[in-house]
Protein backbone atom coordinates (compact mmCIF):
# COMPACT_ATOMS: atom_id res chain seq x y z
CA UNK A 1 22.97 12.84 -24.75
CA UNK A 2 26.07 10.55 -24.15
CA UNK A 3 28.00 8.96 -26.66
CA UNK A 4 25.67 6.17 -28.06
CA UNK A 5 27.11 2.32 -27.97
CA UNK A 6 24.39 1.67 -30.56
CA UNK A 7 25.69 0.98 -34.05
CA UNK A 8 22.05 0.56 -35.48
CA UNK A 9 20.87 3.75 -34.69
CA UNK A 10 17.35 3.32 -36.19
CA UNK A 11 15.31 3.95 -33.08
CA UNK A 12 17.62 6.78 -31.55
CA UNK A 13 17.15 8.48 -35.03
CA UNK A 14 13.46 8.27 -34.37
CA UNK A 15 13.24 9.97 -31.20
CA UNK A 16 10.69 12.93 -31.12
CA UNK A 17 12.55 16.05 -31.87
CA UNK A 18 14.11 17.92 -28.71
CA UNK A 19 11.37 20.59 -28.55
CA UNK A 20 8.72 17.91 -28.19
CA UNK A 21 10.55 15.95 -25.12
CA UNK A 22 9.07 16.35 -21.50
CA UNK A 23 11.49 18.53 -19.38
CA UNK A 24 13.32 15.78 -17.33
CA UNK A 25 14.10 16.35 -13.44
CA UNK A 26 16.97 14.36 -11.62
CA UNK A 27 17.67 14.30 -7.97
CA UNK A 28 19.87 12.62 -5.43
CA UNK A 29 18.07 9.16 -6.18
CA UNK A 30 18.08 9.41 -9.99
CA UNK A 31 21.99 10.75 -10.40
CA UNK A 32 23.14 8.08 -12.59
CA UNK A 33 26.67 7.84 -14.10
CA UNK A 34 26.97 8.64 -18.04
CA UNK A 35 27.41 5.11 -18.68
CA UNK A 36 25.41 2.28 -17.34
CA UNK A 37 24.01 -1.02 -18.33
CA UNK A 38 20.56 -1.86 -16.34
CA UNK A 39 21.15 -5.36 -16.61
CA UNK A 40 24.36 -5.46 -14.81
CA UNK A 41 22.92 -3.09 -11.95
CA UNK A 42 19.90 -5.44 -11.71
CA UNK A 43 21.58 -8.72 -11.45
CA UNK A 44 25.43 -8.53 -11.75
CA UNK A 45 25.76 -6.28 -9.19
CA UNK A 46 24.59 -8.46 -6.44
CA UNK A 47 26.90 -11.00 -7.91
CA UNK A 48 29.79 -8.71 -7.68
CA UNK A 49 29.13 -7.42 -3.97
CA UNK A 50 28.54 -11.30 -2.58
CA UNK A 51 24.98 -11.97 -2.68
CA UNK A 52 25.09 -14.43 -5.94
CA UNK A 53 23.84 -17.31 -3.70
CA UNK A 54 20.57 -15.47 -2.97
CA UNK A 55 17.54 -16.55 -4.65
CA UNK A 56 16.52 -14.36 -7.60
CA UNK A 57 13.45 -16.10 -9.45
CA UNK A 58 11.24 -18.67 -8.04
CA UNK A 59 8.73 -20.88 -10.32
CA UNK A 60 7.13 -24.14 -10.51
CA UNK A 61 7.38 -26.35 -13.49
CA UNK A 62 5.68 -29.96 -13.71
CA UNK A 63 4.79 -30.03 -10.17
CA UNK A 64 8.57 -29.16 -8.97
CA UNK A 65 9.21 -25.97 -7.22
CA UNK A 66 12.78 -24.37 -8.58
CA UNK A 67 14.77 -21.24 -7.26
CA UNK A 68 17.34 -19.59 -9.53
CA UNK A 69 19.93 -17.85 -7.85
CA UNK A 70 21.36 -14.13 -9.01
CA UNK A 71 24.41 -16.00 -9.89
CA UNK A 72 22.41 -18.72 -11.71
CA UNK A 73 20.43 -15.83 -13.47
CA UNK A 74 23.64 -13.72 -14.54
CA UNK A 75 24.99 -16.86 -16.34
CA UNK A 76 21.58 -17.78 -17.96
CA UNK A 77 21.29 -14.49 -19.37
CA UNK A 78 24.73 -14.43 -20.32
CA UNK A 79 24.34 -17.63 -22.38
CA UNK A 80 21.56 -16.24 -24.12
CA UNK A 81 23.31 -13.15 -24.96
CA UNK A 82 26.38 -15.10 -26.63
CA UNK A 83 23.74 -16.44 -28.99
CA UNK A 84 22.24 -12.70 -29.87
CA UNK A 85 25.57 -11.54 -30.60
CA UNK A 86 27.52 -14.61 -31.67
CA UNK A 87 25.03 -16.90 -33.51
CA UNK A 88 22.90 -14.39 -34.38
CA UNK A 89 25.47 -11.69 -35.07
CA UNK A 90 23.07 -8.73 -33.82
CA UNK A 91 24.80 -5.54 -33.08
CA UNK A 92 23.99 -2.89 -30.38
CA UNK A 93 20.77 -0.89 -31.36
CA UNK A 94 19.25 -4.04 -33.25
CA UNK A 95 15.68 -4.29 -32.09
CA UNK A 96 14.57 -7.93 -30.61
CA UNK A 97 10.92 -8.90 -30.03
CA UNK A 98 10.23 -10.83 -27.06
CA UNK A 99 7.13 -12.99 -26.84
CA UNK A 100 6.27 -15.15 -23.86
CA UNK A 101 4.29 -15.49 -20.56
CA UNK A 102 6.06 -14.77 -17.27
CA UNK A 103 8.42 -17.56 -16.73
CA UNK A 104 12.34 -17.92 -16.45
CA UNK A 105 13.19 -17.91 -19.80
CA UNK A 106 11.21 -14.91 -20.70
CA UNK A 107 12.87 -12.98 -17.87
CA UNK A 108 16.37 -13.96 -18.87
CA UNK A 109 15.98 -13.23 -22.25
CA UNK A 110 14.76 -9.49 -21.59
CA UNK A 111 18.14 -9.18 -19.27
CA UNK A 112 20.32 -10.63 -22.26
CA UNK A 113 18.92 -8.32 -24.75
CA UNK A 114 19.70 -5.35 -22.84
CA UNK A 115 22.93 -6.45 -21.61
CA UNK A 116 23.90 -7.20 -25.16
CA UNK A 117 23.00 -3.26 -26.03
CA UNK A 118 20.27 -4.54 -27.99
CA UNK A 119 16.72 -3.22 -27.88
CA UNK A 120 13.84 -5.22 -26.20
CA UNK A 121 10.49 -5.19 -27.83
CA UNK A 122 8.24 -7.07 -25.44
CA UNK A 123 5.17 -8.09 -26.61
CA UNK A 124 1.79 -9.39 -24.89
CA UNK A 125 1.47 -13.17 -25.32
CA UNK A 126 -2.03 -13.11 -26.31
CA UNK A 127 -1.32 -10.50 -29.58
CA UNK A 128 -2.48 -12.24 -33.05
CA UNK A 129 -0.27 -12.15 -36.16
CA UNK A 130 -1.67 -8.96 -37.52
CA UNK A 131 -1.06 -7.44 -34.07
CA UNK A 132 2.30 -8.59 -34.06
CA UNK A 133 3.11 -7.26 -37.62
CA UNK A 134 2.22 -3.50 -36.62
CA UNK A 135 4.93 -3.83 -33.69
CA UNK A 136 7.27 -5.43 -35.91
CA UNK A 137 6.82 -2.95 -38.69
CA UNK A 138 7.10 0.08 -36.93
CA UNK A 139 10.06 -1.05 -34.78
CA UNK A 140 11.66 -2.49 -37.67
CA UNK A 141 12.59 -5.81 -35.67
CA UNK A 142 14.62 -8.10 -37.25
CA UNK A 143 14.80 -10.87 -34.73
CA UNK A 144 13.12 -12.45 -32.14
CA UNK A 145 12.86 -14.85 -29.00
CA UNK A 146 9.64 -16.41 -28.55
CA UNK A 147 8.05 -19.27 -25.79
CA UNK A 148 7.68 -22.16 -28.54
CA UNK A 149 3.81 -22.43 -27.37
CA UNK A 150 3.45 -19.05 -28.87
CA UNK A 151 4.94 -19.69 -32.20
CA UNK A 152 2.09 -20.01 -34.18
CA UNK A 153 1.04 -16.29 -34.29
CA UNK A 154 4.76 -15.28 -34.80
CA UNK A 155 5.25 -17.87 -37.65
CA UNK A 156 2.47 -16.16 -39.68
CA UNK A 157 4.87 -13.31 -39.83
CA UNK A 158 7.59 -15.35 -41.20
CA UNK A 159 5.40 -17.15 -44.06
CA UNK A 160 6.68 -15.64 -47.24
CA UNK A 161 3.52 -14.40 -49.23
CA UNK A 162 1.23 -14.42 -46.27
CA UNK A 163 -0.76 -11.49 -45.55
CA UNK A 164 1.36 -10.81 -42.42
CA UNK A 165 4.66 -11.25 -43.67
CA UNK A 166 7.33 -9.36 -42.22
CA UNK A 167 10.25 -9.64 -44.28
CA UNK A 168 12.81 -7.62 -42.20
CA UNK A 169 12.24 -10.33 -39.25
CA UNK A 170 15.11 -12.73 -40.36
CA UNK A 171 15.85 -14.75 -37.34
CA UNK A 172 13.83 -16.27 -34.53
CA UNK A 173 14.68 -18.73 -31.78
CA UNK A 174 12.00 -20.31 -29.66
CA UNK A 175 12.43 -21.13 -25.88
CA UNK A 176 10.63 -23.73 -23.96
CA UNK A 177 10.76 -26.25 -26.72
CA UNK A 178 12.97 -28.37 -28.74
CA UNK A 179 14.46 -28.74 -32.07
CA UNK A 180 17.07 -27.28 -34.23
CA UNK A 181 15.76 -23.41 -33.73
CA UNK A 182 15.42 -24.09 -29.87
CA UNK A 183 16.94 -21.40 -27.86
CA UNK A 184 18.00 -24.03 -25.11
CA UNK A 185 20.07 -26.03 -27.78
CA UNK A 186 21.90 -22.85 -28.87
CA UNK A 187 22.84 -21.67 -25.48
CA UNK A 188 24.32 -25.35 -24.64
CA UNK A 189 28.08 -25.05 -24.22
CA UNK A 190 28.19 -21.09 -24.28
CA UNK A 191 30.23 -19.68 -21.95
CA UNK A 192 28.61 -18.38 -18.43
CA UNK A 193 30.29 -14.83 -18.34
CA UNK A 194 29.87 -12.27 -21.13
CA UNK A 195 31.15 -8.74 -21.56
CA UNK A 196 28.14 -6.63 -21.32
CA UNK A 197 27.83 -3.77 -23.80
CA UNK A 198 29.28 -0.55 -22.77
CA UNK A 199 25.84 1.31 -22.89
CA UNK A 200 25.42 5.02 -22.04
CA UNK A 201 22.74 5.71 -19.42
CA UNK A 202 20.42 6.92 -22.11
CA UNK A 203 21.00 4.37 -24.83
CA UNK A 204 17.85 3.03 -25.39
CA UNK A 205 17.09 -0.57 -24.24
CA UNK A 206 13.17 -0.84 -24.13
CA UNK A 207 10.27 -0.08 -26.96
CA UNK A 208 7.05 -0.59 -24.82
CA UNK A 209 3.99 -0.58 -27.10
CA UNK A 210 0.93 0.67 -25.15
CA UNK A 211 -1.53 -2.05 -24.05
CA UNK A 212 -4.22 -0.86 -26.41
CA UNK A 213 -7.03 0.44 -24.46
CA UNK A 214 -7.25 3.10 -27.36
CA UNK A 215 -6.97 0.36 -30.12
CA UNK A 216 -3.73 2.15 -31.43
CA UNK A 217 -0.92 0.98 -29.61
CA UNK A 218 2.21 3.36 -29.64
CA UNK A 219 6.02 2.60 -29.01
CA UNK A 220 7.48 4.26 -26.06
CA UNK A 221 11.10 4.56 -25.94
CA UNK A 222 12.77 4.12 -22.42
CA UNK A 223 16.63 4.30 -21.71
CA UNK A 224 18.87 2.17 -19.46
CA UNK A 225 18.39 4.84 -16.88
CA UNK A 226 14.99 4.99 -16.93
CA UNK A 227 14.61 1.46 -16.19
CA UNK A 228 16.95 2.09 -13.01
CA UNK A 229 14.95 5.16 -12.12
CA UNK A 230 11.61 3.21 -12.00
CA UNK A 231 13.12 1.04 -9.61
CA UNK A 232 14.60 3.68 -7.38
CA UNK A 233 11.31 6.05 -6.79
CA UNK A 234 7.99 4.45 -6.25
CA UNK A 235 9.99 1.01 -4.91
CA UNK A 236 12.35 3.01 -2.45
CA UNK A 237 9.72 5.81 -1.22
CA UNK A 238 6.43 4.02 -1.20
CA UNK A 239 6.67 0.23 -1.50
CA UNK A 240 9.86 -0.16 0.47
CA UNK A 241 10.72 -3.89 -0.15
CA UNK A 242 13.54 -5.55 1.24
CA UNK A 243 15.91 -8.41 0.20
CA UNK A 244 13.85 -10.87 2.25
CA UNK A 245 10.50 -10.05 0.14
CA UNK A 246 8.88 -12.07 -2.12
CA UNK A 247 7.14 -10.81 -4.85
CA UNK A 248 4.35 -12.24 -7.13
CA UNK A 249 1.36 -11.24 -9.27
CA UNK A 250 -0.31 -11.28 -12.53
CA UNK A 251 0.91 -8.21 -14.81
CA UNK A 252 2.80 -9.69 -17.91
CA UNK A 253 6.42 -8.80 -18.34
CA UNK A 254 5.71 -7.29 -21.55
CA UNK A 255 4.03 -4.74 -19.69
CA UNK A 256 6.05 -2.05 -17.77
CA UNK A 257 3.72 -2.80 -14.88
CA UNK A 258 4.69 -6.22 -14.81
CA UNK A 259 8.17 -5.23 -15.97
CA UNK A 260 8.92 -3.33 -12.70
CA UNK A 261 6.76 -5.47 -10.32
CA UNK A 262 7.48 -8.82 -11.60
CA UNK A 263 11.44 -8.53 -12.32
CA UNK A 264 13.21 -5.22 -12.07
CA UNK A 265 11.55 -4.02 -8.16
CA UNK A 266 12.71 -7.46 -6.80
CA UNK A 267 15.97 -7.55 -8.61
CA UNK A 268 17.18 -3.85 -7.36
CA UNK A 269 16.20 -4.94 -4.18
CA UNK A 270 18.15 -8.19 -4.12
CA UNK A 271 14.87 -9.86 -3.40
CA UNK A 272 12.94 -12.55 -5.13
CA UNK A 273 10.10 -13.07 -7.39
CA UNK A 274 7.88 -15.77 -8.11
CA UNK A 275 6.93 -16.15 -12.16
CA UNK A 276 3.73 -17.91 -12.79
CA UNK A 277 1.71 -18.23 -16.17
CA UNK A 278 -2.12 -18.18 -16.58
CA UNK A 279 -3.07 -16.96 -13.21
CA UNK A 280 -6.76 -17.11 -11.74
CA UNK A 281 -7.92 -15.33 -8.55
CA UNK A 282 -7.79 -18.80 -7.04
CA UNK A 283 -4.38 -19.77 -8.20
CA UNK A 284 -2.78 -16.51 -7.39
CA UNK A 285 -4.08 -16.95 -3.51
CA UNK A 286 -2.56 -20.49 -3.73
CA UNK A 287 0.66 -19.26 -4.85
CA UNK A 288 0.81 -16.76 -2.35
CA UNK A 289 0.10 -19.42 0.11
CA UNK A 290 2.52 -21.96 -1.15
CA UNK A 291 5.53 -19.69 -1.70
CA UNK A 292 4.97 -17.51 1.48
CA UNK A 293 4.77 -14.33 -0.68
CA UNK A 294 5.21 -10.85 0.69
CA UNK A 295 4.18 -8.65 -1.85
CA UNK A 296 1.70 -8.85 -4.46
CA UNK A 297 0.81 -6.66 -7.76
CA UNK A 298 -2.63 -7.31 -9.92
CA UNK A 299 -5.13 -5.17 -11.05
CA UNK A 300 -8.23 -4.36 -9.11
CA UNK A 301 -10.67 -6.98 -10.94
CA UNK A 302 -8.40 -9.72 -9.33
CA UNK A 303 -8.54 -8.04 -5.82
CA UNK A 304 -12.47 -7.79 -6.21
CA UNK A 305 -12.52 -11.65 -6.99
CA UNK A 306 -9.65 -12.70 -4.31
CA UNK A 307 -11.41 -10.80 -1.62
CA UNK A 308 -14.11 -13.10 -1.46
CA UNK A 309 -11.74 -16.20 -1.51
CA UNK A 310 -9.00 -15.27 0.72
CA UNK A 311 -10.62 -16.59 4.01
CA UNK A 312 -9.98 -19.80 2.23
CA UNK A 313 -6.26 -19.68 1.95
CA UNK A 314 -3.42 -18.97 4.42
CA UNK A 315 -1.94 -15.71 3.25
CA UNK A 316 -0.71 -14.64 6.34
CA UNK A 317 2.78 -13.94 4.98
CA UNK A 318 1.26 -11.17 2.52
CA UNK A 319 2.44 -7.66 3.80
CA UNK A 320 1.73 -5.35 0.79
CA UNK A 321 -0.74 -5.32 -2.00
CA UNK A 322 -0.41 -2.89 -5.26
CA UNK A 323 -3.00 -2.14 -7.52
CA UNK A 324 -2.71 -0.46 -10.67
CA UNK A 325 -4.03 -0.50 -14.39
CA UNK A 326 -7.30 0.92 -13.91
CA UNK A 327 -9.19 2.82 -11.21
CA UNK A 328 -9.55 1.26 -7.66
CA UNK A 329 -13.33 1.26 -6.82
CA UNK A 330 -13.40 2.14 -3.02
CA UNK A 331 -15.54 -0.96 -2.57
CA UNK A 332 -12.81 -3.24 -3.92
CA UNK A 333 -10.35 -1.60 -1.52
CA UNK A 334 -12.48 -1.83 1.39
CA UNK A 335 -13.62 -5.60 0.74
CA UNK A 336 -9.61 -6.61 0.42
CA UNK A 337 -8.90 -4.96 3.51
CA UNK A 338 -11.55 -6.44 5.39
CA UNK A 339 -10.71 -9.81 3.87
CA UNK A 340 -6.87 -9.74 4.45
CA UNK A 341 -6.35 -6.65 6.98
CA UNK A 342 -4.08 -4.99 4.21
CA UNK A 343 -4.46 -1.37 3.03
CA UNK A 344 -4.17 -1.25 -0.75
CA UNK A 345 -1.30 0.65 -2.24
CA UNK A 346 -2.99 2.24 -5.33
CA UNK A 347 -1.08 3.77 -8.16
CA UNK A 348 -1.32 5.55 -11.15
CA UNK A 349 1.47 5.50 -13.79
CA UNK A 350 1.42 4.59 -17.37
CA UNK A 351 3.97 3.07 -20.19
CA UNK A 352 4.93 6.66 -21.35
CA UNK A 353 6.01 7.21 -17.90
CA UNK A 354 7.32 3.86 -17.25
CA UNK A 355 5.65 3.16 -13.86
CA UNK A 356 4.01 4.71 -10.96
CA UNK A 357 4.45 8.40 -10.10
CA UNK A 358 1.67 8.82 -7.90
CA UNK A 359 0.62 6.61 -5.09
CA UNK A 360 0.40 6.32 -1.09
CA UNK A 361 0.69 2.99 1.57
CA UNK A 362 -0.19 2.48 4.81
CA UNK A 363 -1.01 5.09 7.32
CA UNK A 364 -0.57 7.74 4.28
CA UNK A 365 -3.59 6.20 2.42
CA UNK A 366 -6.56 8.90 2.35
CA UNK A 367 -10.09 7.84 1.49
CA UNK A 368 -10.90 8.30 -1.98
CA UNK A 369 -7.60 9.33 -2.87
CA UNK A 370 -4.85 7.54 -5.22
CA UNK A 371 -1.96 9.19 -3.01
CA UNK A 372 0.57 11.89 -3.28
CA UNK A 373 3.17 12.46 -5.71
CA UNK A 374 6.21 10.01 -5.72
CA UNK A 375 9.40 11.59 -4.57
CA UNK A 376 11.34 12.44 -7.64
CA UNK A 377 8.29 13.44 -9.61
CA UNK A 378 6.27 16.79 -9.47
CA UNK A 379 2.49 17.17 -10.48
CA UNK A 380 -0.14 19.72 -10.64
CA UNK A 381 -3.64 20.04 -12.31
CA UNK A 382 -3.81 22.25 -14.82
CA UNK A 383 -6.80 23.75 -16.96
CA UNK A 384 -6.86 23.70 -21.19
CA UNK A 385 -4.27 26.45 -21.09
CA UNK A 386 -1.82 24.50 -19.03
CA UNK A 387 -2.28 26.96 -16.03
CA UNK A 388 -2.54 25.51 -12.65
CA UNK A 389 -5.85 25.31 -11.02
CA UNK A 390 -6.60 26.08 -7.14
CA UNK A 391 -6.85 23.16 -4.81
CA UNK A 392 -10.38 21.40 -5.13
CA UNK A 393 -10.61 22.25 -8.46
CA UNK A 394 -11.01 19.28 -11.33
CA UNK A 395 -8.27 19.49 -14.33
CA UNK A 396 -6.03 17.91 -16.30
CA UNK A 397 -2.94 16.06 -14.56
CA UNK A 398 0.33 17.16 -15.73
CA UNK A 399 3.56 15.54 -14.48
CA UNK A 400 7.45 15.86 -14.71
CA UNK A 401 10.07 13.53 -13.45
CA UNK A 402 13.44 11.39 -14.62
CA UNK A 403 11.35 9.69 -16.99
CA UNK A 404 8.72 11.02 -19.64
CA UNK A 405 7.14 10.32 -22.92
CA UNK A 406 9.17 9.80 -25.90
CA UNK A 407 7.20 7.75 -28.80
CA UNK A 408 9.19 6.34 -31.41
CA UNK A 409 8.57 8.35 -34.69
CA UNK A 410 4.68 9.35 -33.58
CA UNK A 411 2.87 12.30 -34.12
CA UNK A 412 0.87 11.84 -31.17
CA UNK A 413 3.96 13.06 -29.10
CA UNK A 414 2.83 16.92 -29.75
CA UNK A 415 -0.53 16.00 -27.62
CA UNK A 416 0.97 13.90 -24.84
CA UNK A 417 3.81 16.65 -24.06
CA UNK A 418 2.86 20.09 -23.66
CA UNK A 419 5.24 23.11 -22.24
CA UNK A 420 7.63 20.39 -21.08
CA UNK A 421 5.06 18.72 -18.79
CA UNK A 422 3.62 14.84 -19.60
CA UNK A 423 0.05 14.73 -20.18
CA UNK A 424 -1.31 11.23 -19.29
CA UNK A 425 -4.83 11.98 -20.59
CA UNK A 426 -6.49 11.87 -16.77
CA UNK A 427 -8.83 14.12 -15.00
CA UNK A 428 -7.84 14.62 -11.42
CA UNK A 429 -8.56 17.02 -8.37
CA UNK A 430 -5.87 17.67 -5.99
CA UNK A 431 -6.48 18.75 -2.37
CA UNK A 432 -4.51 21.20 0.05
CA UNK A 433 -2.53 18.46 1.55
CA UNK A 434 -1.40 17.10 -1.89
CA UNK A 435 -3.53 14.20 -2.13
CA UNK A 436 -4.54 13.51 -5.78
CA UNK A 437 -8.09 12.06 -6.38
CA UNK A 438 -8.64 10.70 -9.69
CA UNK A 439 -11.81 11.28 -11.65
CA UNK A 440 -11.67 9.74 -15.02
CA UNK A 441 -9.58 9.58 -18.06
CA UNK A 442 -10.07 12.76 -19.96
CA UNK A 443 -12.00 11.14 -22.66
CA UNK A 444 -14.19 9.47 -20.04
CA UNK A 445 -15.82 12.32 -18.74
CA UNK A 446 -19.31 12.38 -19.65
CA UNK A 447 -21.11 15.59 -20.41
CA UNK A 448 -24.99 15.08 -20.02
CA UNK A 449 -27.47 18.36 -20.27
CA UNK A 450 -24.47 20.30 -19.09
CA UNK A 451 -23.02 18.35 -16.12
CA UNK A 452 -19.76 17.07 -16.28
CA UNK A 453 -19.97 13.50 -14.71
CA UNK A 454 -17.04 11.07 -14.24
CA UNK A 455 -17.65 7.56 -15.32
CA UNK A 456 -15.71 5.85 -12.77
CA UNK A 457 -17.81 7.58 -9.66
CA UNK A 458 -20.66 6.05 -11.30
CA UNK A 459 -19.08 2.50 -11.56
CA UNK A 460 -17.80 3.07 -7.79
CA UNK A 461 -21.38 3.41 -6.77
CA UNK A 462 -22.63 0.56 -8.66
CA UNK A 463 -19.94 -1.77 -7.62
CA UNK A 464 -21.01 -1.07 -3.92
CA UNK A 465 -24.63 -2.83 -4.81
CA UNK A 466 -24.68 -6.44 -3.90
CA UNK A 467 -25.91 -7.61 -7.48
CA UNK A 468 -23.03 -6.06 -9.47
CA UNK A 469 -19.86 -8.11 -10.26
CA UNK A 470 -18.28 -6.00 -12.18
CA UNK A 471 -19.26 -2.83 -14.45
CA UNK A 472 -18.25 0.08 -17.02
CA UNK A 473 -19.61 3.39 -17.48
CA UNK A 474 -19.20 5.59 -20.83
CA UNK A 475 -21.77 7.75 -22.62
CA UNK A 476 -24.18 7.20 -25.07
CA UNK A 477 -25.52 9.67 -27.51
CA UNK A 478 -28.63 11.08 -26.69
CA UNK A 479 -30.66 13.80 -28.85
CA UNK A 480 -32.09 15.55 -25.84
CA UNK A 481 -29.04 15.64 -23.40
CA UNK A 482 -26.18 15.35 -25.71
CA UNK A 483 -25.17 12.13 -23.74
CA UNK A 484 -26.68 9.80 -21.14
CA UNK A 485 -24.73 7.96 -18.46
CA UNK A 486 -24.85 4.37 -19.99
CA UNK A 487 -23.85 1.49 -17.61
CA UNK A 488 -22.42 -2.10 -18.92
CA UNK A 489 -23.24 -4.39 -16.04
CA UNK A 490 -22.15 -8.04 -15.25
CA UNK A 491 -24.46 -9.47 -12.43
CA UNK A 492 -23.39 -11.72 -9.82
CA UNK A 493 -24.96 -15.47 -10.34
CA UNK A 494 -28.47 -15.73 -9.40
CA UNK A 495 -29.43 -12.10 -10.17
CA UNK A 496 -32.01 -11.89 -12.73
CA UNK A 497 -31.21 -9.69 -15.73
CA UNK A 498 -34.57 -7.88 -15.79
CA UNK A 499 -36.23 -4.18 -15.62
CA UNK A 500 -36.75 -4.74 -11.75
CA UNK A 501 -32.91 -5.14 -11.14
CA UNK A 502 -32.29 -2.21 -13.96
CA UNK A 503 -34.41 -0.14 -11.85
CA UNK A 504 -33.06 -0.88 -8.76
CA UNK A 505 -29.52 -0.14 -9.70
CA UNK A 506 -30.58 3.13 -10.90
CA UNK A 507 -32.35 3.96 -7.54
CA UNK A 508 -29.40 3.05 -5.81
CA UNK A 509 -27.02 5.07 -7.69
CA UNK A 510 -29.56 7.91 -7.04
CA UNK A 511 -29.29 7.44 -3.35
CA UNK A 512 -25.23 7.08 -3.44
CA UNK A 513 -24.15 9.86 -5.51
CA UNK A 514 -25.97 13.09 -6.94
CA UNK A 515 -29.15 11.89 -8.74
CA UNK A 516 -28.30 13.48 -12.30
CA UNK A 517 -25.36 11.18 -12.31
CA UNK A 518 -27.33 7.87 -12.56
CA UNK A 519 -27.23 5.33 -15.32
CA UNK A 520 -29.95 6.12 -17.59
CA UNK A 521 -29.21 3.11 -19.95
CA UNK A 522 -28.27 -0.14 -18.00
CA UNK A 523 -27.27 -2.61 -20.15
CA UNK A 524 -26.62 -6.34 -18.83
CA UNK A 525 -23.48 -8.15 -20.29
CA UNK A 526 -22.04 -11.52 -19.55
CA UNK A 527 -18.56 -9.96 -19.76
CA UNK A 528 -16.51 -6.94 -20.20
CA UNK A 529 -14.19 -6.00 -22.83
CA UNK A 530 -10.67 -5.99 -21.16
CA UNK A 531 -6.87 -6.11 -22.33
CA UNK A 532 -4.87 -9.04 -21.40
CA UNK A 533 -3.54 -7.02 -18.39
CA UNK A 534 -6.98 -6.98 -17.04
CA UNK A 535 -7.60 -3.11 -17.87
CA UNK A 536 -11.10 -2.33 -18.70
CA UNK A 537 -11.47 -1.52 -22.83
CA UNK A 538 -13.40 1.86 -22.90
CA UNK A 539 -13.23 2.36 -26.44
CA UNK A 540 -14.73 -0.83 -26.98
CA UNK A 541 -17.60 0.17 -24.67
CA UNK A 542 -17.75 3.37 -26.52
CA UNK A 543 -18.13 1.69 -29.53
CA UNK A 544 -20.92 -0.64 -28.26
CA UNK A 545 -22.65 2.43 -26.88
CA UNK A 546 -22.33 4.22 -30.50
CA UNK A 547 -24.08 1.37 -32.19
CA UNK A 548 -26.73 1.17 -29.38
CA UNK A 549 -27.53 4.53 -29.70
CA UNK A 550 -27.82 4.34 -33.46
CA UNK A 551 -30.31 1.44 -33.18
CA UNK A 552 -32.41 3.59 -30.92
CA UNK A 553 -32.38 6.42 -32.71
CA UNK A 554 -30.20 8.70 -30.22
CA UNK A 555 -33.09 8.03 -27.31
CA UNK A 556 -32.03 7.23 -23.91
CA UNK A 557 -34.35 6.07 -21.44
CA UNK A 558 -35.95 8.65 -19.11
């Protein structure tokens, strides 16, 4: 590791021991100098090279449209950096909690934090005080920048004597508000120029907490070079954006999928991004139409709903669509393509790996496959002994590249990294041509009467039925079979949730895939449990299945 610029070495001191790190691989795309600051690479580089007048961020507020240039974004983030290190007297290595939806001040605050050599700890807007306390305590956060509209839950962490009080959280500034503690008031009159911290490429700039599909978030530690590496691999080789592209989408900046797609990818390319809060499928289509966006990032749930609505909007400007965050059902891919003519770019990544490492686009898409390994990464399918398996064999996905898992002081590091390989927890199959086919999360494999059944395969079959709006499939305990396949189904409006519909869905799945995979339990629900990023929370479905099995005495339907 290079000589650190951090005076506060809390996070650096709590990196995993070297023997638990993944092996890191670098190529011509990811050879970086020993010292770099990713905020300068993303914004100031364009100003320095004469592109300061180009638009970086677009947004709408109070009915008016706004465009912020690279030069203006640099100046805004510089003024915030002056507040952080001048008024708040933070020093390199201090952790700063960021809390806000996708808007200009949230983006500028992230850039300011890393520019100042501090460590950004972004949090999802919907987190409650108890969840914020977990993050604050684990990362030993001493300061926060928060959207004023989200202050209530954070304020609970500031209240002395309260159940969620975090005594270490000493300073907070609120943006998009007013009053003595408003960030806008603090930056007024601050210089537009700022001498960025001379950080090492391997200085920590981000602690990203996992989005909580397991219910137990983990802090993943990333370096300045990791941020730039995620911009120089998947976007460069698969997405291939240009400076005239306009990005848009739904993933929050607090989620690495959103940090890349909504901010870092467009900035690295000298392009622009449209930041918007609280999007719906309808308003996202309207945004694409209004801003003439060319690239969209969102989850399969949105694409499924947008496909039915797309004919009502002029989205001819849209050229590329990226799906990630959860398995993409083929039915959703095909309905989106039929509605828009766009071949979906599917991808698998993860908070631990920073962003997407397997994906294909356009003519390289193969039916049923997520894609090939993104150049700069290597992957293989391994058995329980970490030995490679032949093509066509189902096993565990193992990945290496310039980014990798480094949990903040967490014993689960030893389970994620083995023999220098990252194990994201996914079951895959690879063919002889190097295409990777997702089967399930490793803990989503259902073993029923000796058969291995991948929940997402059953979901994909159910999704092809006209009555199904969305569904989630998990294993349910069963005295006779060990487990049975249980499907939690949200029906389309007007479809009756009765025994006839249940039987019809079961018969349909039997005809679509191997009959032993059909859902012996079909439970109709009004909605599925999802994270703020739209990812299905299977652990909650498993909890529901456990409760149902206990109530039934472990007896599945025949």
